[in-house]
Amino acid sequence: MEQKNKDRQYVTERFMFSDTDLCRLIIEHSNDMIIATDKNLQITMVNKVAEDKLGRAINDAFQKNLFYFFPEARYGSAIFQHLESVLKGRSLVRTFPMKKANQYFEWKIMPLHDTRDQLHGILCIIKDISNSVQQENRISELNRVLLEKQLLLNNRAKMAETIIDASNDLIMILDKKLVLAAVNKALSKCCGKTADELKGKNIFECFPNLKDSEVHLKINAAFDGTPSWIRSASDLVENCRFDIFITPFSFQEMVYGVLIIAHRLMRGESE
């Protein structure tokens, strides 16, 4: 009769290999750290990836306590609690995140049983997820910064509305999509619409003649950080000439809006 604990064998076209061979191949070629311990959490096996990550030779790691290399997993952590549960006989497979210095790891913890189904240790598969976590953190930080800039633009736009409403110049603030974030009363009167009706509209909806004009080019340059002054421009309103001042709004070298002030020239001023 075939022994119960005998390795199963697998046959391909060229060679035959056993459970033991298959496990060895998986362990040696895994991109994750693989660490096995006995019931006292003394290390009995580590793979090459774990050796490189831990900075210790495989022989040096043997019989060291798991917490010697991962003090972050000690008492009170979710990882420690699950290790205890497994050692008490709970057969669970759970995944836990863990931060170690500036690195992030995901632990998968599972019990190791012998052929008689007796618990004799724990297997930990530890995946380095630092790149994905850092990428998520960068995206979150970027979203936070963009939100702050948008709030800053909105707050400054509201403050600017109060200040610039007294001016007879046409004044507007554009966001990066060339959408009107704020306008003054003079500009509203010129367009024949209220400020609320104008806000949120693209500048070319209100001033179609600006499309591909010198003013349009200077607005694009302002979003690259370059202010400009256009003398006696006629593209804004038909039969009128304006001196147009275009100023970028920036915060920590990031341009988040553009201020446009158009001063109407009276007869004789443009000459």
C-alpha atoms as a PDB file:
ATOM      1  CA  MET A   1       0.000   0.000   0.000  1.00  0.00           C
ATOM      2  CA  GLU A   2       1.248   3.452  -0.853  1.00  0.00           C
ATOM      3  CA  GLN A   3       2.300   5.529   2.152  1.00  0.00           C
ATOM      4  CA  LYS A   4      -0.060   8.354   3.073  1.00  0.00           C
ATOM      5  CA  ASN A   5       2.698  10.952   3.426  1.00  0.00           C
ATOM      6  CA  LYS A   6       4.583  10.040   0.283  1.00  0.00           C
ATOM      7  CA  ASP A   7       5.202  12.958  -2.094  1.00  0.00           C
ATOM      8  CA  ARG A   8       2.846  13.167  -5.008  1.00  0.00           C
ATOM      9  CA  GLN A   9       4.613  13.148  -8.366  1.00  0.00           C
ATOM     10  CA  TYR A  10       3.852  15.251 -11.426  1.00  0.00           C
ATOM     11  CA  VAL A  11       4.837  14.269 -14.945  1.00  0.00           C
ATOM     12  CA  THR A  12       5.465  16.605 -17.879  1.00  0.00           C
ATOM     13  CA  GLU A  13       6.753  15.775 -21.347  1.00  0.00           C
ATOM     14  CA  ARG A  14      10.385  16.118 -20.262  1.00  0.00           C
ATOM     15  CA  PHE A  15      10.691  15.360 -16.550  1.00  0.00           C
ATOM     16  CA  MET A  16       8.980  14.253 -13.366  1.00  0.00           C
ATOM     17  CA  PHE A  17       8.903  16.265 -10.141  1.00  0.00           C
ATOM     18  CA  SER A  18       7.347  15.885  -6.677  1.00  0.00           C
ATOM     19  CA  ASP A  19       5.504  18.056  -4.157  1.00  0.00           C
ATOM     20  CA  THR A  20       8.833  18.805  -2.508  1.00  0.00           C
ATOM     21  CA  ASP A  21      10.394  19.925  -5.782  1.00  0.00           C
ATOM     22  CA  LEU A  22       7.376  22.070  -6.584  1.00  0.00           C
ATOM     23  CA  CYS A  23       7.467  23.756  -3.166  1.00  0.00           C
ATOM     24  CA  ARG A  24      11.179  24.419  -3.514  1.00  0.00           C
ATOM     25  CA  LEU A  25      10.657  26.046  -6.933  1.00  0.00           C
ATOM     26  CA  ILE A  26       7.836  28.243  -5.635  1.00  0.00           C
ATOM     27  CA  ILE A  27       9.807  29.315  -2.568  1.00  0.00           C
ATOM     28  CA  GLU A  28      13.012  30.032  -4.471  1.00  0.00           C
ATOM     29  CA  HIS A  29      11.361  32.002  -7.271  1.00  0.00           C
ATOM     30  CA  SER A  30       8.740  33.897  -5.308  1.00  0.00           C
ATOM     31  CA  ASN A  31       8.934  37.715  -5.340  1.00  0.00           C
ATOM     32  CA  ASP A  32       7.617  37.762  -1.776  1.00  0.00           C
ATOM     33  CA  MET A  33       9.350  37.015   1.505  1.00  0.00           C
ATOM     34  CA  ILE A  34       8.475  33.529   2.709  1.00  0.00           C
ATOM     35  CA  ILE A  35       9.258  32.711   6.347  1.00  0.00           C
ATOM     36  CA  ALA A  36       8.350  29.573   8.291  1.00  0.00           C
ATOM     37  CA  THR A  37       8.533  29.303  12.072  1.00  0.00           C
ATOM     38  CA  ASP A  38       8.001  26.634  14.680  1.00  0.00           C
ATOM     39  CA  LYS A  39       5.339  26.930  17.380  1.00  0.00           C
ATOM     40  CA  ASN A  40       7.629  29.188  19.402  1.00  0.00           C
ATOM     41  CA  LEU A  41       7.903  31.572  16.430  1.00  0.00           C
ATOM     42  CA  GLN A  42      11.555  30.622  15.967  1.00  0.00           C
ATOM     43  CA  ILE A  43      12.469  30.870  12.288  1.00  0.00           C
ATOM     44  CA  THR A  44      12.996  27.526  10.576  1.00  0.00           C
ATOM     45  CA  MET A  45      13.060  28.624   6.923  1.00  0.00           C
ATOM     46  CA  VAL A  46      13.481  31.822   4.892  1.00  0.00           C
ATOM     47  CA  ASN A  47      13.746  32.246   1.152  1.00  0.00           C
ATOM     48  CA  LYS A  48      16.280  34.320  -0.783  1.00  0.00           C
ATOM     49  CA  VAL A  49      13.968  37.358  -1.040  1.00  0.00           C
ATOM     50  CA  ALA A  50      13.571  37.392   2.750  1.00  0.00           C
ATOM     51  CA  GLU A  51      17.323  37.042   3.135  1.00  0.00           C
ATOM     52  CA  ASP A  52      17.875  40.115   0.930  1.00  0.00           C
ATOM     53  CA  LYS A  53      15.141  42.172   2.610  1.00  0.00           C
ATOM     54  CA  LEU A  54      16.260  41.310   6.132  1.00  0.00           C
ATOM     55  CA  GLY A  55      19.908  41.873   5.302  1.00  0.00           C
ATOM     56  CA  ARG A  56      20.905  38.596   6.939  1.00  0.00           C
ATOM     57  CA  ALA A  57      22.247  35.357   5.549  1.00  0.00           C
ATOM     58  CA  ILE A  58      19.819  32.479   5.644  1.00  0.00           C
ATOM     59  CA  ASN A  59      21.919  30.613   8.236  1.00  0.00           C
ATOM     60  CA  ASP A  60      21.983  33.700  10.482  1.00  0.00           C
ATOM     61  CA  ALA A  61      18.202  33.884  10.472  1.00  0.00           C
ATOM     62  CA  PHE A  62      17.628  30.334  11.685  1.00  0.00           C
ATOM     63  CA  GLN A  63      16.309  30.028  15.234  1.00  0.00           C
ATOM     64  CA  LYS A  64      15.946  33.781  15.535  1.00  0.00           C
ATOM     65  CA  ASN A  65      12.540  34.861  16.818  1.00  0.00           C
ATOM     66  CA  LEU A  66      10.239  36.296  14.166  1.00  0.00           C
ATOM     67  CA  PHE A  67       9.941  39.522  16.185  1.00  0.00           C
ATOM     68  CA  TYR A  68      13.709  39.949  16.072  1.00  0.00           C
ATOM     69  CA  PHE A  69      13.299  41.019  12.443  1.00  0.00           C
ATOM     70  CA  PHE A  70       9.804  42.465  12.730  1.00  0.00           C
ATOM     71  CA  PRO A  71       9.430  44.250  16.096  1.00  0.00           C
ATOM     72  CA  GLU A  72       6.469  46.139  14.556  1.00  0.00           C
ATOM     73  CA  ALA A  73       4.508  42.853  14.671  1.00  0.00           C
ATOM     74  CA  ARG A  74       4.984  42.494  18.423  1.00  0.00           C
ATOM     75  CA  TYR A  75       2.444  42.532  21.203  1.00  0.00           C
ATOM     76  CA  GLY A  76      -0.788  44.362  20.587  1.00  0.00           C
ATOM     77  CA  SER A  77      -0.589  44.438  16.798  1.00  0.00           C
ATOM     78  CA  ALA A  78      -3.201  42.721  14.619  1.00  0.00           C
ATOM     79  CA  ILE A  79      -0.445  40.464  13.273  1.00  0.00           C
ATOM     80  CA  PHE A  80       0.560  39.343  16.768  1.00  0.00           C
ATOM     81  CA  GLN A  81      -3.053  38.645  17.725  1.00  0.00           C
ATOM     82  CA  HIS A  82      -3.536  36.486  14.653  1.00  0.00           C
ATOM     83  CA  LEU A  83      -0.273  34.632  15.261  1.00  0.00           C
ATOM     84  CA  GLU A  84      -1.536  33.807  18.745  1.00  0.00           C
ATOM     85  CA  SER A  85      -4.891  32.633  17.377  1.00  0.00           C
ATOM     86  CA  VAL A  86      -3.204  30.322  14.863  1.00  0.00           C
ATOM     87  CA  LEU A  87      -0.939  28.891  17.559  1.00  0.00           C
ATOM     88  CA  LYS A  88      -4.022  28.149  19.656  1.00  0.00           C
ATOM     89  CA  GLY A  89      -5.397  26.014  16.858  1.00  0.00           C
ATOM     90  CA  ARG A  90      -7.477  28.387  14.740  1.00  0.00           C
ATOM     91  CA  SER A  91      -6.916  27.448  11.119  1.00  0.00           C
ATOM     92  CA  LEU A  92      -7.269  30.809   9.407  1.00  0.00           C
ATOM     93  CA  VAL A  93      -5.627  32.599   6.513  1.00  0.00           C
ATOM     94  CA  ARG A  94      -5.634  36.356   7.043  1.00  0.00           C
ATOM     95  CA  THR A  95      -3.920  39.335   5.419  1.00  0.00           C
ATOM     96  CA  PHE A  96      -2.622  42.313   7.394  1.00  0.00           C
ATOM     97  CA  PRO A  97      -0.827  45.512   6.369  1.00  0.00           C
ATOM     98  CA  MET A  98       2.245  46.616   8.321  1.00  0.00           C
ATOM     99  CA  LYS A  99       4.528  49.646   8.154  1.00  0.00           C
ATOM    100  CA  LYS A 100       8.244  49.110   8.838  1.00  0.00           C
ATOM    101  CA  ALA A 101      10.292  52.333   8.729  1.00  0.00           C
ATOM    102  CA  ASN A 102       9.444  53.788   5.308  1.00  0.00           C
ATOM    103  CA  GLN A 103       8.354  50.456   3.872  1.00  0.00           C
ATOM    104  CA  TYR A 104       4.946  48.813   3.777  1.00  0.00           C
ATOM    105  CA  PHE A 105       4.297  45.091   3.868  1.00  0.00           C
ATOM    106  CA  GLU A 106       1.247  42.905   3.542  1.00  0.00           C
ATOM    107  CA  TRP A 107       1.324  39.757   5.662  1.00  0.00           C
ATOM    108  CA  LYS A 108      -0.505  36.549   4.877  1.00  0.00           C
ATOM    109  CA  ILE A 109      -0.378  34.200   7.868  1.00  0.00           C
ATOM    110  CA  MET A 110      -1.374  30.555   7.791  1.00  0.00           C
ATOM    111  CA  PRO A 111      -0.844  27.465   9.961  1.00  0.00           C
ATOM    112  CA  LEU A 112       1.536  24.648   9.018  1.00  0.00           C
ATOM    113  CA  HIS A 113       0.336  21.090   9.732  1.00  0.00           C
ATOM    114  CA  ASP A 114       2.123  17.792   9.410  1.00  0.00           C
ATOM    115  CA  THR A 115       0.717  14.685   7.741  1.00  0.00           C
ATOM    116  CA  ARG A 116      -1.216  13.861  10.945  1.00  0.00           C
ATOM    117  CA  ASP A 117      -2.792  17.303  10.851  1.00  0.00           C
ATOM    118  CA  GLN A 118      -0.862  18.397  13.913  1.00  0.00           C
ATOM    119  CA  LEU A 119       0.132  22.061  14.068  1.00  0.00           C
ATOM    120  CA  HIS A 120       3.905  22.404  14.021  1.00  0.00           C
ATOM    121  CA  GLY A 121       4.459  26.006  12.913  1.00  0.00           C
ATOM    122  CA  ILE A 122       3.361  29.035  10.971  1.00  0.00           C
ATOM    123  CA  LEU A 123       3.987  30.141   7.401  1.00  0.00           C
ATOM    124  CA  CYS A 124       4.220  33.894   6.687  1.00  0.00           C
ATOM    125  CA  ILE A 125       4.138  35.240   3.152  1.00  0.00           C
ATOM    126  CA  ILE A 126       5.170  38.890   3.317  1.00  0.00           C
ATOM    127  CA  LYS A 127       4.610  41.062   0.256  1.00  0.00           C
ATOM    128  CA  ASP A 128       6.379  44.404  -0.159  1.00  0.00           C
ATOM    129  CA  ILE A 129       3.617  46.845  -1.140  1.00  0.00           C
ATOM    130  CA  SER A 130       5.699  49.997  -0.608  1.00  0.00           C
ATOM    131  CA  ASN A 131       5.500  51.129  -4.238  1.00  0.00           C
ATOM    132  CA  SER A 132       1.719  50.815  -4.463  1.00  0.00           C
ATOM    133  CA  VAL A 133       1.183  52.471  -1.052  1.00  0.00           C
ATOM    134  CA  GLN A 134       3.566  55.292  -1.890  1.00  0.00           C
ATOM    135  CA  GLN A 135       1.845  55.749  -5.236  1.00  0.00           C
ATOM    136  CA  GLU A 136      -1.537  55.913  -3.487  1.00  0.00           C
ATOM    137  CA  ASN A 137      -0.085  58.399  -0.995  1.00  0.00           C
ATOM    138  CA  ARG A 138       1.265  60.550  -3.824  1.00  0.00           C
ATOM    139  CA  ILE A 139      -2.122  60.524  -5.553  1.00  0.00           C
ATOM    140  CA  SER A 140      -3.867  61.396  -2.283  1.00  0.00           C
ATOM    141  CA  GLU A 141      -1.394  64.208  -1.631  1.00  0.00           C
ATOM    142  CA  LEU A 142      -1.834  65.536  -5.163  1.00  0.00           C
ATOM    143  CA  ASN A 143      -5.611  65.457  -4.776  1.00  0.00           C
ATOM    144  CA  ARG A 144      -5.277  67.248  -1.435  1.00  0.00           C
ATOM    145  CA  VAL A 145      -3.023  69.924  -2.928  1.00  0.00           C
ATOM    146  CA  LEU A 146      -5.330  70.405  -5.907  1.00  0.00           C
ATOM    147  CA  LEU A 147      -8.313  70.721  -3.576  1.00  0.00           C
ATOM    148  CA  GLU A 148      -6.439  73.265  -1.462  1.00  0.00           C
ATOM    149  CA  LYS A 149      -5.534  75.245  -4.573  1.00  0.00           C
ATOM    150  CA  GLN A 150      -9.137  75.182  -5.780  1.00  0.00           C
ATOM    151  CA  LEU A 151     -10.376  76.335  -2.377  1.00  0.00           C
ATOM    152  CA  LEU A 152      -7.694  78.999  -2.352  1.00  0.00           C
ATOM    153  CA  LEU A 153      -8.722  80.167  -5.804  1.00  0.00           C
ATOM    154  CA  ASN A 154     -12.393  80.271  -4.809  1.00  0.00           C
ATOM    155  CA  ASN A 155     -11.652  82.180  -1.595  1.00  0.00           C
ATOM    156  CA  ARG A 156      -9.405  84.648  -3.340  1.00  0.00           C
ATOM    157  CA  ALA A 157     -11.933  85.009  -6.121  1.00  0.00           C
ATOM    158  CA  LYS A 158     -14.654  85.912  -3.618  1.00  0.00           C
ATOM    159  CA  MET A 159     -12.366  88.414  -1.921  1.00  0.00           C
ATOM    160  CA  ALA A 160     -11.361  89.829  -5.279  1.00  0.00           C
ATOM    161  CA  GLU A 161     -14.996  90.292  -6.315  1.00  0.00           C
ATOM    162  CA  THR A 162     -15.578  92.598  -3.351  1.00  0.00           C
ATOM    163  CA  ILE A 163     -12.484  94.662  -4.091  1.00  0.00           C
ATOM    164  CA  ILE A 164     -12.733  94.889  -7.872  1.00  0.00           C
ATOM    165  CA  ASP A 165     -16.455  95.601  -8.164  1.00  0.00           C
ATOM    166  CA  ALA A 166     -15.722  99.295  -7.640  1.00  0.00           C
ATOM    167  CA  SER A 167     -13.438  99.381 -10.709  1.00  0.00           C
ATOM    168  CA  ASN A 168     -14.588 100.570 -14.145  1.00  0.00           C
ATOM    169  CA  ASP A 169     -12.109  98.181 -15.781  1.00  0.00           C
ATOM    170  CA  LEU A 170     -13.274  94.794 -17.028  1.00  0.00           C
ATOM    171  CA  ILE A 171     -11.819  92.317 -14.553  1.00  0.00           C
ATOM    172  CA  MET A 172     -11.999  88.518 -14.553  1.00  0.00           C
ATOM    173  CA  ILE A 173     -10.231  85.558 -12.965  1.00  0.00           C
ATOM    174  CA  LEU A 174      -9.764  82.338 -14.940  1.00  0.00           C
ATOM    175  CA  ASP A 175      -8.981  78.866 -13.649  1.00  0.00           C
ATOM    176  CA  LYS A 176      -6.733  76.430 -15.516  1.00  0.00           C
ATOM    177  CA  LYS A 177      -9.595  75.303 -17.766  1.00  0.00           C
ATOM    178  CA  LEU A 178     -10.080  78.930 -18.888  1.00  0.00           C
ATOM    179  CA  VAL A 179     -13.356  79.035 -16.982  1.00  0.00           C
ATOM    180  CA  LEU A 180     -14.483  82.258 -15.346  1.00  0.00           C
ATOM    181  CA  ALA A 181     -14.016  81.933 -11.583  1.00  0.00           C
ATOM    182  CA  ALA A 182     -14.855  85.589 -10.802  1.00  0.00           C
ATOM    183  CA  VAL A 183     -15.938  88.720 -12.673  1.00  0.00           C
ATOM    184  CA  ASN A 184     -16.617  92.278 -11.592  1.00  0.00           C
ATOM    185  CA  LYS A 185     -19.733  94.379 -12.146  1.00  0.00           C
ATOM    186  CA  ALA A 186     -18.240  96.248 -15.083  1.00  0.00           C
ATOM    187  CA  LEU A 187     -17.635  92.989 -16.965  1.00  0.00           C
ATOM    188  CA  SER A 188     -21.118  91.698 -16.083  1.00  0.00           C
ATOM    189  CA  LYS A 189     -22.621  94.913 -17.458  1.00  0.00           C
ATOM    190  CA  CYS A 190     -20.505  94.635 -20.620  1.00  0.00           C
ATOM    191  CA  CYS A 191     -21.740  91.062 -21.242  1.00  0.00           C
ATOM    192  CA  GLY A 192     -25.320  91.817 -20.236  1.00  0.00           C
ATOM    193  CA  LYS A 193     -25.343  88.966 -17.716  1.00  0.00           C
ATOM    194  CA  THR A 194     -25.074  88.624 -13.954  1.00  0.00           C
ATOM    195  CA  ALA A 195     -21.883  87.434 -12.287  1.00  0.00           C
ATOM    196  CA  ASP A 196     -23.579  84.143 -11.348  1.00  0.00           C
ATOM    197  CA  GLU A 197     -24.572  83.583 -14.989  1.00  0.00           C
ATOM    198  CA  LEU A 198     -21.010  84.235 -16.163  1.00  0.00           C
ATOM    199  CA  LYS A 199     -19.147  82.203 -13.537  1.00  0.00           C
ATOM    200  CA  GLY A 200     -18.489  78.668 -14.708  1.00  0.00           C
ATOM    201  CA  LYS A 201     -18.528  79.612 -18.405  1.00  0.00           C
ATOM    202  CA  ASN A 202     -15.523  79.289 -20.663  1.00  0.00           C
ATOM    203  CA  ILE A 203     -14.022  82.657 -21.567  1.00  0.00           C
ATOM    204  CA  PHE A 204     -14.578  81.992 -25.274  1.00  0.00           C
ATOM    205  CA  GLU A 205     -18.326  81.629 -24.706  1.00  0.00           C
ATOM    206  CA  CYS A 206     -18.349  85.224 -23.491  1.00  0.00           C
ATOM    207  CA  PHE A 207     -15.628  86.614 -25.768  1.00  0.00           C
ATOM    208  CA  PRO A 208     -15.453  84.418 -28.890  1.00  0.00           C
ATOM    209  CA  ASN A 209     -13.115  86.843 -30.679  1.00  0.00           C
ATOM    210  CA  LEU A 210     -10.367  85.991 -28.166  1.00  0.00           C
ATOM    211  CA  LYS A 211     -10.008  82.449 -29.540  1.00  0.00           C
ATOM    212  CA  ASP A 212      -6.497  82.067 -31.064  1.00  0.00           C
ATOM    213  CA  SER A 213      -5.861  85.796 -30.595  1.00  0.00           C
ATOM    214  CA  GLU A 214      -2.801  87.419 -29.071  1.00  0.00           C
ATOM    215  CA  VAL A 215      -4.739  87.635 -25.787  1.00  0.00           C
ATOM    216  CA  HIS A 216      -5.357  83.868 -25.934  1.00  0.00           C
ATOM    217  CA  LEU A 217      -1.631  83.231 -26.432  1.00  0.00           C
ATOM    218  CA  LYS A 218      -0.728  85.513 -23.514  1.00  0.00           C
ATOM    219  CA  ILE A 219      -3.258  83.763 -21.252  1.00  0.00           C
ATOM    220  CA  ASN A 220      -1.583  80.428 -22.035  1.00  0.00           C
ATOM    221  CA  ALA A 221       1.799  82.015 -21.292  1.00  0.00           C
ATOM    222  CA  ALA A 222       0.455  83.271 -17.954  1.00  0.00           C
ATOM    223  CA  PHE A 223      -0.351  79.698 -16.924  1.00  0.00           C
ATOM    224  CA  ASP A 224       3.342  78.984 -17.536  1.00  0.00           C
ATOM    225  CA  GLY A 225       4.140  81.811 -15.123  1.00  0.00           C
ATOM    226  CA  THR A 226       4.694  84.722 -17.556  1.00  0.00           C
ATOM    227  CA  PRO A 227       2.739  87.972 -16.974  1.00  0.00           C
ATOM    228  CA  SER A 228       2.097  90.283 -19.901  1.00  0.00           C
ATOM    229  CA  TRP A 229       0.622  93.594 -21.041  1.00  0.00           C
ATOM    230  CA  ILE A 230      -1.114  93.987 -24.387  1.00  0.00           C
ATOM    231  CA  ARG A 231      -1.402  97.522 -25.631  1.00  0.00           C
ATOM    232  CA  SER A 232      -4.559  98.695 -27.450  1.00  0.00           C
ATOM    233  CA  ALA A 233      -6.109  95.263 -28.053  1.00  0.00           C
ATOM    234  CA  SER A 234      -9.303  95.182 -30.130  1.00  0.00           C
ATOM    235  CA  ASP A 235     -10.230  91.479 -29.733  1.00  0.00           C
ATOM    236  CA  LEU A 236     -12.195  91.737 -26.493  1.00  0.00           C
ATOM    237  CA  VAL A 237     -15.184  93.878 -27.483  1.00  0.00           C
ATOM    238  CA  GLU A 238     -16.016  95.075 -30.982  1.00  0.00           C
ATOM    239  CA  ASN A 239     -15.346  98.747 -31.725  1.00  0.00           C
ATOM    240  CA  CYS A 240     -13.450  99.124 -28.429  1.00  0.00           C
ATOM    241  CA  ARG A 241      -9.789  99.096 -27.576  1.00  0.00           C
ATOM    242  CA  PHE A 242      -8.295  97.983 -24.282  1.00  0.00           C
ATOM    243  CA  ASP A 243      -4.966  97.838 -22.547  1.00  0.00           C
ATOM    244  CA  ILE A 244      -5.019  94.308 -21.145  1.00  0.00           C
ATOM    245  CA  PHE A 245      -2.937  93.201 -18.156  1.00  0.00           C
ATOM    246  CA  ILE A 246      -2.606  89.438 -17.644  1.00  0.00           C
ATOM    247  CA  THR A 247      -1.174  88.248 -14.312  1.00  0.00           C
ATOM    248  CA  PRO A 248      -0.698  84.645 -13.111  1.00  0.00           C
ATOM    249  CA  PHE A 249      -1.879  83.631  -9.635  1.00  0.00           C
ATOM    250  CA  SER A 250       0.604  81.190  -8.122  1.00  0.00           C
ATOM    251  CA  PHE A 251       1.243  79.343  -4.895  1.00  0.00           C
ATOM    252  CA  GLN A 252       4.593  77.645  -4.224  1.00  0.00           C
ATOM    253  CA  GLU A 253       5.513  77.986  -7.919  1.00  0.00           C
ATOM    254  CA  MET A 254       2.236  76.373  -9.031  1.00  0.00           C
ATOM    255  CA  VAL A 255       0.053  78.615 -11.210  1.00  0.00           C
ATOM    256  CA  TYR A 256      -3.581  77.979 -10.389  1.00  0.00           C
ATOM    257  CA  GLY A 257      -5.335  80.963 -11.966  1.00  0.00           C
ATOM    258  CA  VAL A 258      -4.971  84.086 -14.097  1.00  0.00           C
ATOM    259  CA  LEU A 259      -6.143  87.632 -13.413  1.00  0.00           C
ATOM    260  CA  ILE A 260      -7.145  89.684 -16.477  1.00  0.00           C
ATOM    261  CA  ILE A 261      -7.704  93.444 -16.229  1.00  0.00           C
ATOM    262  CA  ALA A 262      -8.902  95.216 -19.373  1.00  0.00           C
ATOM    263  CA  HIS A 263      -8.722  99.036 -19.210  1.00  0.00           C
ATOM    264  CA  ARG A 264     -10.958 100.648 -21.831  1.00  0.00           C
ATOM    265  CA  LEU A 265      -9.100 103.296 -23.805  1.00  0.00           C
ATOM    266  CA  MET A 266     -10.853 106.540 -24.447  1.00  0.00           C
ATOM    267  CA  ARG A 267     -10.499 108.318 -27.776  1.00  0.00           C
ATOM    268  CA  GLY A 268      -6.954 109.585 -28.046  1.00  0.00           C
ATOM    269  CA  GLU A 269      -5.483 107.192 -25.451  1.00  0.00           C
ATOM    270  CA  SER A 270      -4.697 104.497 -28.018  1.00  0.00           C
ATOM    271  CA  GLU A 271      -2.777 106.791 -30.238  1.00  0.00           C
END
